[in-house]
């Protein structure tokens, strides 16, 4: 059974810890691939989940980001 973005906050517990490292190190494509593989979801859903986790990390671990919001993801197009 696939897990999808609309199923609540418990979704993050189904994701590997490597996802946070990918997000913090601006490895967006591998992060999206990890989300899709772990949750068997669409790319659109993976982008939504990525955005949710990105915001959580920005809130909880701001000092772990090497780039500011305005520079993060520059050059990445989905």
N, C-alpha and C. Protein backbone atom coordinates (compact mmCIF):
# COMPACT_ATOMS: atom_id res chain seq x y z
N UNK A 1 0.84 -1.19 0.00
CA UNK A 1 0.00 0.00 0.00
C UNK A 1 0.88 1.24 0.00
N UNK A 2 0.63 2.16 -0.88
CA UNK A 2 1.41 3.38 -0.99
C UNK A 2 1.01 4.36 0.10
N UNK A 3 1.98 5.15 0.52
CA UNK A 3 1.76 6.21 1.49
C UNK A 3 1.83 7.52 0.71
N UNK A 4 0.86 8.39 0.91
CA UNK A 4 0.82 9.63 0.15
C UNK A 4 0.85 10.85 1.06
N UNK A 5 1.20 11.97 0.47
CA UNK A 5 1.43 13.22 1.20
C UNK A 5 0.26 13.62 2.09
N UNK A 6 -0.95 13.37 1.69
CA UNK A 6 -2.11 13.81 2.45
C UNK A 6 -2.41 12.98 3.68
N UNK A 7 -1.58 12.04 4.04
CA UNK A 7 -1.91 11.12 5.13
C UNK A 7 -1.38 11.54 6.49
N UNK A 8 -0.95 12.79 6.65
CA UNK A 8 -0.60 13.26 7.98
C UNK A 8 0.88 13.32 8.26
N UNK A 9 1.19 13.81 9.46
CA UNK A 9 2.58 14.07 9.85
C UNK A 9 3.37 12.80 10.14
N UNK A 10 2.74 11.67 10.39
CA UNK A 10 3.44 10.43 10.65
C UNK A 10 4.21 9.92 9.45
N UNK A 11 4.02 10.56 8.33
CA UNK A 11 4.68 10.14 7.10
C UNK A 11 6.21 10.22 7.22
N UNK A 12 6.71 11.18 7.97
CA UNK A 12 8.15 11.38 8.08
C UNK A 12 8.85 10.19 8.72
N UNK A 13 8.14 9.45 9.56
CA UNK A 13 8.76 8.29 10.20
C UNK A 13 9.04 7.16 9.22
N UNK A 14 8.46 7.24 8.03
CA UNK A 14 8.68 6.23 6.99
C UNK A 14 9.86 6.57 6.08
N UNK A 15 10.51 7.70 6.35
CA UNK A 15 11.61 8.15 5.50
C UNK A 15 12.95 7.89 6.16
N UNK A 16 13.97 7.54 5.38
CA UNK A 16 15.29 7.28 5.95
C UNK A 16 15.95 8.57 6.45
N UNK A 17 16.85 8.43 7.42
CA UNK A 17 17.56 9.58 7.96
C UNK A 17 18.40 10.28 6.92
N UNK A 18 18.79 9.56 5.88
CA UNK A 18 19.61 10.16 4.83
C UNK A 18 18.88 11.31 4.13
N UNK A 19 17.56 11.33 4.20
CA UNK A 19 16.79 12.40 3.57
C UNK A 19 17.18 13.76 4.14
N UNK A 20 17.30 13.86 5.45
CA UNK A 20 17.67 15.13 6.07
C UNK A 20 19.05 15.58 5.59
N UNK A 21 19.99 14.67 5.49
CA UNK A 21 21.33 15.04 4.99
C UNK A 21 21.25 15.56 3.57
N UNK A 22 20.45 14.88 2.73
CA UNK A 22 20.29 15.33 1.35
C UNK A 22 19.70 16.74 1.31
N UNK A 23 18.70 16.99 2.12
CA UNK A 23 18.08 18.32 2.13
C UNK A 23 19.08 19.36 2.62
N UNK A 24 19.76 19.07 3.71
CA UNK A 24 20.71 20.03 4.27
C UNK A 24 21.87 20.32 3.32
N UNK A 25 22.24 19.34 2.52
CA UNK A 25 23.37 19.50 1.61
C UNK A 25 22.92 19.85 0.19
N UNK A 26 21.68 20.26 0.04
CA UNK A 26 21.08 20.72 -1.21
C UNK A 26 21.14 19.67 -2.31
N UNK A 27 21.01 18.42 -1.94
CA UNK A 27 20.92 17.33 -2.92
C UNK A 27 19.44 17.04 -3.15
N UNK A 28 18.83 17.90 -3.93
CA UNK A 28 17.38 17.90 -4.10
C UNK A 28 16.90 16.68 -4.89
N UNK A 29 17.54 16.40 -6.01
CA UNK A 29 17.10 15.25 -6.82
C UNK A 29 17.21 13.94 -6.07
N UNK A 30 18.35 13.65 -5.41
CA UNK A 30 18.40 12.41 -4.62
C UNK A 30 17.36 12.38 -3.51
N UNK A 31 17.08 13.53 -2.90
CA UNK A 31 16.07 13.59 -1.84
C UNK A 31 14.69 13.22 -2.40
N UNK A 32 14.36 13.77 -3.55
CA UNK A 32 13.06 13.46 -4.16
C UNK A 32 12.98 11.99 -4.55
N UNK A 33 14.06 11.45 -5.06
CA UNK A 33 14.09 10.03 -5.42
C UNK A 33 13.90 9.16 -4.18
N UNK A 34 14.53 9.53 -3.07
CA UNK A 34 14.39 8.79 -1.82
C UNK A 34 12.94 8.80 -1.35
N UNK A 35 12.32 9.96 -1.40
CA UNK A 35 10.93 10.09 -0.97
C UNK A 35 10.03 9.21 -1.84
N UNK A 36 10.21 9.30 -3.15
CA UNK A 36 9.36 8.51 -4.06
C UNK A 36 9.53 7.02 -3.82
N UNK A 37 10.77 6.59 -3.63
CA UNK A 37 11.03 5.17 -3.41
C UNK A 37 10.45 4.69 -2.07
N UNK A 38 10.68 5.47 -1.02
CA UNK A 38 10.24 5.06 0.31
C UNK A 38 8.73 5.07 0.46
N UNK A 39 8.06 6.00 -0.21
CA UNK A 39 6.63 6.17 -0.01
C UNK A 39 5.78 5.74 -1.20
N UNK A 40 6.42 5.34 -2.27
CA UNK A 40 5.70 4.95 -3.48
C UNK A 40 4.68 6.02 -3.87
N UNK A 41 5.18 7.24 -4.05
CA UNK A 41 4.30 8.36 -4.35
C UNK A 41 4.69 9.02 -5.68
N UNK A 42 3.86 9.94 -6.12
CA UNK A 42 4.13 10.66 -7.36
C UNK A 42 5.21 11.71 -7.12
N UNK A 43 5.75 12.24 -8.21
CA UNK A 43 6.73 13.32 -8.10
C UNK A 43 6.12 14.53 -7.43
N UNK A 44 4.90 14.87 -7.79
CA UNK A 44 4.22 16.01 -7.17
C UNK A 44 4.11 15.82 -5.65
N UNK A 45 3.70 14.64 -5.23
CA UNK A 45 3.60 14.36 -3.79
C UNK A 45 4.98 14.43 -3.14
N UNK A 46 6.00 13.91 -3.82
CA UNK A 46 7.36 13.95 -3.27
C UNK A 46 7.82 15.39 -3.09
N UNK A 47 7.49 16.26 -4.03
CA UNK A 47 7.86 17.67 -3.91
C UNK A 47 7.17 18.30 -2.71
N UNK A 48 5.91 17.97 -2.50
CA UNK A 48 5.17 18.50 -1.34
C UNK A 48 5.79 18.01 -0.03
N UNK A 49 6.15 16.74 0.02
CA UNK A 49 6.75 16.17 1.23
C UNK A 49 8.12 16.78 1.46
N UNK A 50 8.90 16.95 0.38
CA UNK A 50 10.21 17.60 0.47
C UNK A 50 10.05 19.00 1.07
N UNK A 51 9.09 19.77 0.55
CA UNK A 51 8.87 21.13 1.03
C UNK A 51 8.50 21.15 2.51
N UNK A 52 7.68 20.20 2.91
CA UNK A 52 7.28 20.11 4.33
C UNK A 52 8.50 19.82 5.21
N UNK A 53 9.31 18.85 4.80
CA UNK A 53 10.49 18.50 5.60
C UNK A 53 11.51 19.63 5.59
N UNK A 54 11.68 20.28 4.45
CA UNK A 54 12.59 21.44 4.36
C UNK A 54 12.19 22.49 5.39
N UNK A 55 10.91 22.82 5.45
CA UNK A 55 10.44 23.84 6.40
C UNK A 55 10.66 23.39 7.85
N UNK A 56 10.43 22.11 8.13
CA UNK A 56 10.66 21.60 9.49
C UNK A 56 12.13 21.73 9.86
N UNK A 57 13.02 21.37 8.92
CA UNK A 57 14.45 21.48 9.19
C UNK A 57 14.89 22.93 9.35
N UNK A 58 14.36 23.82 8.53
CA UNK A 58 14.68 25.26 8.64
C UNK A 58 14.28 25.76 10.02
N UNK A 59 13.14 25.31 10.51
CA UNK A 59 12.65 25.73 11.82
C UNK A 59 13.47 25.13 12.95
N UNK A 60 13.74 23.81 12.86
CA UNK A 60 14.36 23.09 13.97
C UNK A 60 15.89 23.09 13.95
N UNK A 61 16.49 23.24 12.77
CA UNK A 61 17.95 23.14 12.65
C UNK A 61 18.51 24.22 11.72
N UNK A 62 18.18 25.48 11.96
CA UNK A 62 18.58 26.55 11.03
C UNK A 62 20.09 26.66 10.83
N UNK A 63 20.85 26.36 11.85
CA UNK A 63 22.31 26.48 11.76
C UNK A 63 22.95 25.39 10.91
N UNK A 64 22.21 24.35 10.57
CA UNK A 64 22.74 23.25 9.76
C UNK A 64 22.68 23.54 8.26
N UNK A 65 22.01 24.62 7.87
CA UNK A 65 21.94 24.99 6.46
C UNK A 65 23.14 25.85 6.09
N UNK A 66 23.74 25.55 4.95
CA UNK A 66 24.89 26.33 4.49
C UNK A 66 24.46 27.46 3.56
N UNK A 67 23.23 27.41 3.07
CA UNK A 67 22.69 28.44 2.19
C UNK A 67 21.42 29.03 2.78
N UNK A 68 21.21 30.31 2.51
CA UNK A 68 19.98 30.96 2.92
C UNK A 68 18.81 30.54 2.04
N UNK A 69 17.61 30.88 2.44
CA UNK A 69 16.41 30.53 1.68
C UNK A 69 16.49 31.02 0.23
N UNK A 70 16.99 32.22 0.03
CA UNK A 70 17.01 32.81 -1.30
C UNK A 70 17.97 32.09 -2.25
N UNK A 71 18.99 31.42 -1.71
CA UNK A 71 19.97 30.72 -2.55
C UNK A 71 19.71 29.22 -2.66
N UNK A 72 18.98 28.67 -1.71
CA UNK A 72 18.72 27.23 -1.70
C UNK A 72 17.90 26.84 -2.93
N UNK A 73 18.36 25.85 -3.64
CA UNK A 73 17.62 25.32 -4.78
C UNK A 73 17.76 26.14 -6.06
N UNK A 74 18.61 27.15 -6.05
CA UNK A 74 18.81 27.92 -7.26
C UNK A 74 19.34 27.03 -8.37
N UNK A 75 18.74 27.11 -9.52
CA UNK A 75 19.15 26.28 -10.63
C UNK A 75 18.42 24.94 -10.71
N UNK A 76 17.59 24.64 -9.71
CA UNK A 76 16.81 23.41 -9.73
C UNK A 76 15.42 23.73 -10.27
N UNK A 77 15.01 22.99 -11.28
CA UNK A 77 13.68 23.19 -11.86
C UNK A 77 12.96 21.85 -11.87
N UNK A 78 11.71 21.87 -11.42
CA UNK A 78 10.95 20.62 -11.41
C UNK A 78 9.78 20.71 -12.34
